[in-house]
PDB file of N, CA and C in Angstrom:
ATOM      1  N   UNK A   1      87.736 120.518 136.460  1.00  0.00           N
ATOM      2  CA  UNK A   1      86.891 121.555 135.792  1.00  0.00           C
ATOM      3  C   UNK A   1      86.032 122.293 136.854  1.00  0.00           C
ATOM      4  N   UNK A   2      84.930 121.721 137.147  1.00  0.00           N
ATOM      5  CA  UNK A   2      84.152 122.483 138.197  1.00  0.00           C
ATOM      6  C   UNK A   2      84.631 122.145 139.642  1.00  0.00           C
ATOM      7  N   UNK A   3      84.502 123.218 140.514  1.00  0.00           N
ATOM      8  CA  UNK A   3      84.681 123.015 141.900  1.00  0.00           C
ATOM      9  C   UNK A   3      83.420 123.427 142.535  1.00  0.00           C
ATOM     10  N   UNK A   4      82.784 122.475 143.321  1.00  0.00           N
ATOM     11  CA  UNK A   4      81.518 122.706 143.900  1.00  0.00           C
ATOM     12  C   UNK A   4      81.734 122.804 145.416  1.00  0.00           C
ATOM     13  N   UNK A   5      81.214 123.868 145.963  1.00  0.00           N
ATOM     14  CA  UNK A   5      81.353 124.091 147.390  1.00  0.00           C
ATOM     15  C   UNK A   5      79.924 123.811 148.029  1.00  0.00           C
ATOM     16  N   UNK A   6      79.896 122.885 149.058  1.00  0.00           N
ATOM     17  CA  UNK A   6      78.684 122.580 149.708  1.00  0.00           C
ATOM     18  C   UNK A   6      78.808 122.984 151.186  1.00  0.00           C
ATOM     19  N   UNK A   7      77.972 123.729 151.634  1.00  0.00           N
ATOM     20  CA  UNK A   7      77.910 124.178 153.009  1.00  0.00           C
ATOM     21  C   UNK A   7      76.571 123.583 153.649  1.00  0.00           C
ATOM     22  N   UNK A   8      76.656 122.871 154.689  1.00  0.00           N
ATOM     23  CA  UNK A   8      75.567 122.227 155.335  1.00  0.00           C
ATOM     24  C   UNK A   8      75.825 122.205 156.878  1.00  0.00           C
ATOM     25  N   UNK A   9      74.743 121.941 157.600  1.00  0.00           N
ATOM     26  CA  UNK A   9      74.851 121.793 159.068  1.00  0.00           C
ATOM     27  C   UNK A   9      75.629 120.553 159.301  1.00  0.00           C
ATOM     28  N   UNK A  10      76.461 120.599 160.395  1.00  0.00           N
ATOM     29  CA  UNK A  10      77.169 119.460 160.702  1.00  0.00           C
ATOM     30  C   UNK A  10      76.267 118.310 161.156  1.00  0.00           C
ATOM     31  N   UNK A  11      76.919 117.120 161.202  1.00  0.00           N
ATOM     32  CA  UNK A  11      76.101 115.967 161.676  1.00  0.00           C
ATOM     33  C   UNK A  11      75.908 114.871 160.627  1.00  0.00           C
ATOM     34  N   UNK A  12      76.297 115.064 159.403  1.00  0.00           N
ATOM     35  CA  UNK A  12      76.223 114.035 158.425  1.00  0.00           C
ATOM     36  C   UNK A  12      77.301 113.064 158.631  1.00  0.00           C
ATOM     37  N   UNK A  13      77.049 111.776 158.257  1.00  0.00           N
ATOM     38  CA  UNK A  13      77.976 110.730 158.423  1.00  0.00           C
ATOM     39  C   UNK A  13      78.969 110.744 157.222  1.00  0.00           C
ATOM     40  N   UNK A  14      80.180 110.076 157.332  1.00  0.00           N
ATOM     41  CA  UNK A  14      81.007 109.953 156.151  1.00  0.00           C
ATOM     42  C   UNK A  14      80.258 109.271 154.981  1.00  0.00           C
ATOM     43  N   UNK A  15      79.413 108.309 155.297  1.00  0.00           N
ATOM     44  CA  UNK A  15      78.648 107.560 154.330  1.00  0.00           C
ATOM     45  C   UNK A  15      77.750 108.525 153.551  1.00  0.00           C
ATOM     46  N   UNK A  16      77.078 109.433 154.250  1.00  0.00           N
ATOM     47  CA  UNK A  16      76.198 110.412 153.627  1.00  0.00           C
ATOM     48  C   UNK A  16      76.951 111.288 152.695  1.00  0.00           C
ATOM     49  N   UNK A  17      78.144 111.718 153.207  1.00  0.00           N
ATOM     50  CA  UNK A  17      78.966 112.665 152.431  1.00  0.00           C
ATOM     51  C   UNK A  17      79.524 111.922 151.149  1.00  0.00           C
ATOM     52  N   UNK A  18      79.886 110.681 151.326  1.00  0.00           N
ATOM     53  CA  UNK A  18      80.355 109.947 150.063  1.00  0.00           C
ATOM     54  C   UNK A  18      79.229 109.886 149.086  1.00  0.00           C
ATOM     55  N   UNK A  19      78.007 109.556 149.519  1.00  0.00           N
ATOM     56  CA  UNK A  19      76.853 109.464 148.590  1.00  0.00           C
ATOM     57  C   UNK A  19      76.582 110.858 147.997  1.00  0.00           C
ATOM     58  N   UNK A  20      76.680 111.927 148.736  1.00  0.00           N
ATOM     59  CA  UNK A  20      76.432 113.281 148.163  1.00  0.00           C
ATOM     60  C   UNK A  20      77.449 113.596 147.108  1.00  0.00           C
ATOM     61  N   UNK A  21      78.689 113.268 147.478  1.00  0.00           N
ATOM     62  CA  UNK A  21      79.815 113.614 146.522  1.00  0.00           C
ATOM     63  C   UNK A  21      79.642 112.773 145.242  1.00  0.00           C
ATOM     64  N   UNK A  22      79.257 111.501 145.352  1.00  0.00           N
ATOM     65  CA  UNK A  22      79.044 110.775 144.101  1.00  0.00           C
ATOM     66  C   UNK A  22      77.865 111.310 143.299  1.00  0.00           C
ATOM     67  N   UNK A  23      76.838 111.671 144.017  1.00  0.00           N
ATOM     68  CA  UNK A  23      75.608 112.168 143.245  1.00  0.00           C
ATOM     69  C   UNK A  23      76.015 113.574 142.582  1.00  0.00           C
ATOM     70  N   UNK A  24      76.675 114.407 143.176  1.00  0.00           N
ATOM     71  CA  UNK A  24      77.022 115.754 142.627  1.00  0.00           C
ATOM     72  C   UNK A  24      78.042 115.411 141.485  1.00  0.00           C
ATOM     73  N   UNK A  25      78.940 114.559 141.595  1.00  0.00           N
ATOM     74  CA  UNK A  25      79.868 114.262 140.538  1.00  0.00           C
ATOM     75  C   UNK A  25      79.080 113.763 139.391  1.00  0.00           C
ATOM     76  N   UNK A  26      78.232 112.798 139.548  1.00  0.00           N
ATOM     77  CA  UNK A  26      77.387 112.214 138.436  1.00  0.00           C
ATOM     78  C   UNK A  26      76.570 113.309 137.750  1.00  0.00           C
ATOM     79  N   UNK A  27      76.018 114.191 138.554  1.00  0.00           N
ATOM     80  CA  UNK A  27      75.226 115.275 137.945  1.00  0.00           C
ATOM     81  C   UNK A  27      76.094 116.223 137.058  1.00  0.00           C
ATOM     82  N   UNK A  28      77.352 116.471 137.483  1.00  0.00           N
ATOM     83  CA  UNK A  28      78.304 117.254 136.626  1.00  0.00           C
ATOM     84  C   UNK A  28      78.638 116.469 135.382  1.00  0.00           C
ATOM     85  N   UNK A  29      78.848 115.211 135.477  1.00  0.00           N
ATOM     86  CA  UNK A  29      79.188 114.383 134.340  1.00  0.00           C
ATOM     87  C   UNK A  29      77.997 114.501 133.283  1.00  0.00           C
ATOM     88  N   UNK A  30      76.774 114.260 133.836  1.00  0.00           N
ATOM     89  CA  UNK A  30      75.664 114.166 132.907  1.00  0.00           C
ATOM     90  C   UNK A  30      75.288 115.562 132.310  1.00  0.00           C
ATOM     91  N   UNK A  31      75.363 116.626 133.136  1.00  0.00           N
ATOM     92  CA  UNK A  31      74.790 117.889 132.661  1.00  0.00           C
ATOM     93  C   UNK A  31      75.826 118.833 132.007  1.00  0.00           C
ATOM     94  N   UNK A  32      77.057 118.718 132.286  1.00  0.00           N
ATOM     95  CA  UNK A  32      78.021 119.711 131.727  1.00  0.00           C
ATOM     96  C   UNK A  32      79.243 118.866 131.003  1.00  0.00           C
ATOM     97  N   UNK A  33      79.111 117.532 130.997  1.00  0.00           N
ATOM     98  CA  UNK A  33      80.111 116.769 130.315  1.00  0.00           C
ATOM     99  C   UNK A  33      81.412 116.752 130.928  1.00  0.00           C
ATOM    100  N   UNK A  34      81.500 116.985 132.268  1.00  0.00           N
ATOM    101  CA  UNK A  34      82.836 116.974 133.028  1.00  0.00           C
ATOM    102  C   UNK A  34      83.183 115.499 133.132  1.00  0.00           C
ATOM    103  N   UNK A  35      84.509 115.214 133.187  1.00  0.00           N
ATOM    104  CA  UNK A  35      84.935 113.910 133.542  1.00  0.00           C
ATOM    105  C   UNK A  35      84.971 113.806 135.131  1.00  0.00           C
ATOM    106  N   UNK A  36      84.601 112.666 135.516  1.00  0.00           N
ATOM    107  CA  UNK A  36      84.483 112.503 137.053  1.00  0.00           C
ATOM    108  C   UNK A  36      85.780 112.910 137.783  1.00  0.00           C
ATOM    109  N   UNK A  37      86.924 112.722 137.136  1.00  0.00           N
ATOM    110  CA  UNK A  37      88.169 113.120 137.768  1.00  0.00           C
ATOM    111  C   UNK A  37      88.389 114.587 137.870  1.00  0.00           C
ATOM    112  N   UNK A  38      87.672 115.291 137.153  1.00  0.00           N
ATOM    113  CA  UNK A  38      87.780 116.760 137.073  1.00  0.00           C
ATOM    114  C   UNK A  38      86.977 117.470 138.073  1.00  0.00           C
ATOM    115  N   UNK A  39      85.970 116.803 138.746  1.00  0.00           N
ATOM    116  CA  UNK A  39      84.993 117.424 139.564  1.00  0.00           C
ATOM    117  C   UNK A  39      85.543 117.429 141.029  1.00  0.00           C
ATOM    118  N   UNK A  40      85.776 118.646 141.559  1.00  0.00           N
ATOM    119  CA  UNK A  40      86.175 118.784 142.966  1.00  0.00           C
ATOM    120  C   UNK A  40      84.953 119.251 143.741  1.00  0.00           C
ATOM    121  N   UNK A  41      84.852 118.629 144.946  1.00  0.00           N
ATOM    122  CA  UNK A  41      83.687 118.923 145.870  1.00  0.00           C
ATOM    123  C   UNK A  41      84.373 119.270 147.220  1.00  0.00           C
ATOM    124  N   UNK A  42      84.015 120.425 147.636  1.00  0.00           N
ATOM    125  CA  UNK A  42      84.479 120.847 149.015  1.00  0.00           C
ATOM    126  C   UNK A  42      83.218 120.789 149.955  1.00  0.00           C
ATOM    127  N   UNK A  43      83.306 120.051 150.975  1.00  0.00           N
ATOM    128  CA  UNK A  43      82.283 119.947 151.931  1.00  0.00           C
ATOM    129  C   UNK A  43      82.652 120.750 153.277  1.00  0.00           C
ATOM    130  N   UNK A  44      81.763 121.609 153.659  1.00  0.00           N
ATOM    131  CA  UNK A  44      81.995 122.404 154.883  1.00  0.00           C
ATOM    132  C   UNK A  44      80.873 122.056 155.839  1.00  0.00           C
ATOM    133  N   UNK A  45      81.194 121.607 157.045  1.00  0.00           N
ATOM    134  CA  UNK A  45      80.225 121.305 158.078  1.00  0.00           C
ATOM    135  C   UNK A  45      80.150 122.625 158.961  1.00  0.00           C
ATOM    136  N   UNK A  46      78.982 123.157 159.096  1.00  0.00           N
ATOM    137  CA  UNK A  46      78.716 124.449 159.754  1.00  0.00           C
ATOM    138  C   UNK A  46      77.874 124.178 160.978  1.00  0.00           C
ATOM    139  N   UNK A  47      78.318 124.571 162.178  1.00  0.00           N
ATOM    140  CA  UNK A  47      77.524 124.472 163.371  1.00  0.00           C
ATOM    141  C   UNK A  47      76.319 125.408 163.280  1.00  0.00           C
ATOM    142  N   UNK A  48      75.188 124.977 163.874  1.00  0.00           N
ATOM    143  CA  UNK A  48      74.008 125.821 163.792  1.00  0.00           C
ATOM    144  C   UNK A  48      74.203 127.195 164.413  1.00  0.00           C
ATOM    145  N   UNK A  49      75.135 127.290 165.414  1.00  0.00           N
ATOM    146  CA  UNK A  49      75.335 128.585 166.025  1.00  0.00           C
ATOM    147  C   UNK A  49      76.183 129.571 165.168  1.00  0.00           C
ATOM    148  N   UNK A  50      76.714 128.998 164.056  1.00  0.00           N
ATOM    149  CA  UNK A  50      77.455 129.795 163.072  1.00  0.00           C
ATOM    150  C   UNK A  50      76.735 130.088 161.742  1.00  0.00           C
ATOM    151  N   UNK A  51      75.435 129.880 161.770  1.00  0.00           N
ATOM    152  CA  UNK A  51      74.644 130.080 160.516  1.00  0.00           C
ATOM    153  C   UNK A  51      73.256 130.764 160.940  1.00  0.00           C
ATOM    154  N   UNK A  52      73.017 131.767 160.249  1.00  0.00           N
ATOM    155  CA  UNK A  52      71.715 132.575 160.514  1.00  0.00           C
ATOM    156  C   UNK A  52      71.032 132.771 159.256  1.00  0.00           C
ATOM    157  N   UNK A  53      69.590 132.714 159.310  1.00  0.00           N
ATOM    158  CA  UNK A  53      68.744 132.996 158.233  1.00  0.00           C
ATOM    159  C   UNK A  53      67.734 133.969 158.727  1.00  0.00           C
ATOM    160  N   UNK A  54      67.500 135.035 157.989  1.00  0.00           N
ATOM    161  CA  UNK A  54      66.547 136.009 158.419  1.00  0.00           C
ATOM    162  C   UNK A  54      66.888 136.668 159.741  1.00  0.00           C
ATOM    163  N   UNK A  55      68.184 136.717 159.930  1.00  0.00           N
ATOM    164  CA  UNK A  55      68.707 137.473 161.232  1.00  0.00           C
ATOM    165  C   UNK A  55      68.519 136.621 162.464  1.00  0.00           C
ATOM    166  N   UNK A  56      68.216 135.325 162.348  1.00  0.00           N
ATOM    167  CA  UNK A  56      68.103 134.441 163.560  1.00  0.00           C
ATOM    168  C   UNK A  56      69.124 133.283 163.304  1.00  0.00           C
ATOM    169  N   UNK A  57      69.847 133.050 164.332  1.00  0.00           N
ATOM    170  CA  UNK A  57      70.703 131.878 164.372  1.00  0.00           C
ATOM    171  C   UNK A  57      69.902 130.543 164.387  1.00  0.00           C
ATOM    172  N   UNK A  58      70.372 129.558 163.590  1.00  0.00           N
ATOM    173  CA  UNK A  58      69.660 128.328 163.503  1.00  0.00           C
ATOM    174  C   UNK A  58      69.596 127.654 164.871  1.00  0.00           C
ATOM    175  N   UNK A  59      70.679 127.854 165.713  1.00  0.00           N
ATOM    176  CA  UNK A  59      70.663 127.216 166.996  1.00  0.00           C
ATOM    177  C   UNK A  59      69.545 127.821 167.851  1.00  0.00           C
ATOM    178  N   UNK A  60      69.217 129.078 167.700  1.00  0.00           N
ATOM    179  CA  UNK A  60      68.101 129.688 168.343  1.00  0.00           C
ATOM    180  C   UNK A  60      66.725 129.178 167.886  1.00  0.00           C
ATOM    181  N   UNK A  61      66.772 128.992 166.557  1.00  0.00           N
ATOM    182  CA  UNK A  61      65.452 128.357 166.010  1.00  0.00           C
ATOM    183  C   UNK A  61      65.173 127.007 166.563  1.00  0.00           C
ATOM    184  N   UNK A  62      66.243 126.211 166.658  1.00  0.00           N
ATOM    185  CA  UNK A  62      66.113 124.879 167.123  1.00  0.00           C
ATOM    186  C   UNK A  62      65.681 124.883 168.666  1.00  0.00           C
ATOM    187  N   UNK A  63      66.194 125.817 169.429  1.00  0.00           N
ATOM    188  CA  UNK A  63      65.877 125.933 170.818  1.00  0.00           C
ATOM    189  C   UNK A  63      64.457 126.343 170.965  1.00  0.00           C
ATOM    190  N   UNK A  64      63.905 127.205 170.020  1.00  0.00           N
ATOM    191  CA  UNK A  64      62.584 127.777 170.183  1.00  0.00           C
ATOM    192  C   UNK A  64      61.523 126.808 169.514  1.00  0.00           C
ATOM    193  N   UNK A  65      61.959 125.769 168.803  1.00  0.00           N
ATOM    194  CA  UNK A  65      60.939 124.857 168.089  1.00  0.00           C
ATOM    195  C   UNK A  65      60.010 124.237 169.175  1.00  0.00           C
ATOM    196  N   UNK A  66      58.776 124.127 168.820  1.00  0.00           N
ATOM    197  CA  UNK A  66      57.849 123.511 169.762  1.00  0.00           C
ATOM    198  C   UNK A  66      58.198 121.978 170.000  1.00  0.00           C
ATOM    199  N   UNK A  67      58.071 121.606 171.221  1.00  0.00           N
ATOM    200  CA  UNK A  67      58.380 120.224 171.585  1.00  0.00           C
ATOM    201  C   UNK A  67      57.215 119.336 171.103  1.00  0.00           C
ATOM    202  N   UNK A  68      57.521 118.117 170.712  1.00  0.00           N
ATOM    203  CA  UNK A  68      56.353 117.182 170.270  1.00  0.00           C
ATOM    204  C   UNK A  68      55.713 116.779 171.515  1.00  0.00           C
ATOM    205  N   UNK A  69      54.368 116.378 171.372  1.00  0.00           N
ATOM    206  CA  UNK A  69      53.598 115.927 172.460  1.00  0.00           C
ATOM    207  C   UNK A  69      54.310 114.735 173.210  1.00  0.00           C
ATOM    208  N   UNK A  70      54.364 114.883 174.487  1.00  0.00           N
ATOM    209  CA  UNK A  70      55.011 113.854 175.233  1.00  0.00           C
ATOM    210  C   UNK A  70      56.496 113.972 175.357  1.00  0.00           C
ATOM    211  N   UNK A  71      57.051 115.105 174.702  1.00  0.00           N
ATOM    212  CA  UNK A  71      58.485 115.280 174.675  1.00  0.00           C
ATOM    213  C   UNK A  71      58.896 116.307 175.699  1.00  0.00           C
TER     214      UNK A  71
END
Protein backbone atom coordinates (compact mmCIF):
# COMPACT_ATOMS: atom_id res chain seq x y z
CA UNK A 1 0.00 0.00 0.00
CA UNK A 2 2.19 2.93 1.06
CA UNK A 3 5.69 3.45 -0.22
CA UNK A 4 7.71 5.71 2.06
CA UNK A 5 10.88 7.38 0.77
CA UNK A 6 13.41 8.43 3.42
CA UNK A 7 16.36 10.60 2.44
CA UNK A 8 18.97 11.22 5.12
CA UNK A 9 22.64 11.93 5.50
CA UNK A 10 24.84 8.89 5.15
CA UNK A 11 26.41 7.35 8.22
CA UNK A 12 23.57 5.45 9.88
CA UNK A 13 24.26 1.86 10.84
CA UNK A 14 22.22 -1.07 9.54
CA UNK A 15 20.81 -1.44 13.06
CA UNK A 16 19.59 2.17 13.05
CA UNK A 17 18.02 1.67 9.62
CA UNK A 18 16.27 -1.51 10.80
CA UNK A 19 14.86 0.34 13.80
CA UNK A 20 13.71 3.23 11.60
CA UNK A 21 12.03 0.86 9.14
CA UNK A 22 10.26 -0.93 11.98
CA UNK A 23 9.07 2.35 13.52
CA UNK A 24 7.79 3.71 10.20
CA UNK A 25 6.03 0.42 9.45
CA UNK A 26 4.36 0.42 12.87
CA UNK A 27 3.26 4.03 12.38
CA UNK A 28 1.62 3.11 9.06
CA UNK A 29 -0.12 0.13 10.65
CA UNK A 30 -1.46 2.27 13.52
CA UNK A 31 -2.42 5.40 11.61
CA UNK A 32 -3.71 4.21 8.23
CA UNK A 33 -4.50 0.58 8.90
CA UNK A 34 -1.89 -0.80 6.51
CA UNK A 35 -0.70 -4.36 6.92
CA UNK A 36 3.01 -4.55 7.77
CA UNK A 37 3.63 -6.57 4.61
CA UNK A 38 2.20 -3.79 2.44
CA UNK A 39 4.54 -1.05 3.69
CA UNK A 40 7.55 -0.39 1.46
CA UNK A 41 10.32 1.85 2.76
CA UNK A 42 13.07 3.14 0.50
CA UNK A 43 16.16 4.41 2.33
CA UNK A 44 18.52 6.78 0.51
CA UNK A 45 21.88 7.75 2.00
CA UNK A 46 22.92 11.18 0.78
CA UNK A 47 26.43 12.56 1.17
CA UNK A 48 26.54 16.05 2.70
CA UNK A 49 28.20 17.40 -0.46
CA UNK A 50 25.07 16.31 -2.39
CA UNK A 51 22.53 18.14 -0.18
CA UNK A 52 22.01 21.88 0.12
CA UNK A 53 19.66 23.92 2.27
CA UNK A 54 19.23 27.64 1.82
CA UNK A 55 21.72 27.57 -1.04
CA UNK A 56 24.55 26.14 1.07
CA UNK A 57 25.92 22.62 0.86
CA UNK A 58 25.76 20.78 4.17
CA UNK A 59 29.40 19.80 3.69
CA UNK A 60 30.25 23.53 3.68
CA UNK A 61 28.14 24.11 6.80
CA UNK A 62 30.00 21.32 8.61
CA UNK A 63 33.37 22.78 7.57
CA UNK A 64 32.33 26.26 8.79
CA UNK A 65 30.91 25.08 12.13
CA UNK A 66 32.74 26.50 15.15
CA UNK A 67 35.17 24.13 16.77
CA UNK A 68 34.46 23.17 20.39
CA UNK A 69 36.86 24.53 23.00
CA UNK A 70 40.02 22.48 23.06
CA UNK A 71 39.18 21.00 19.64
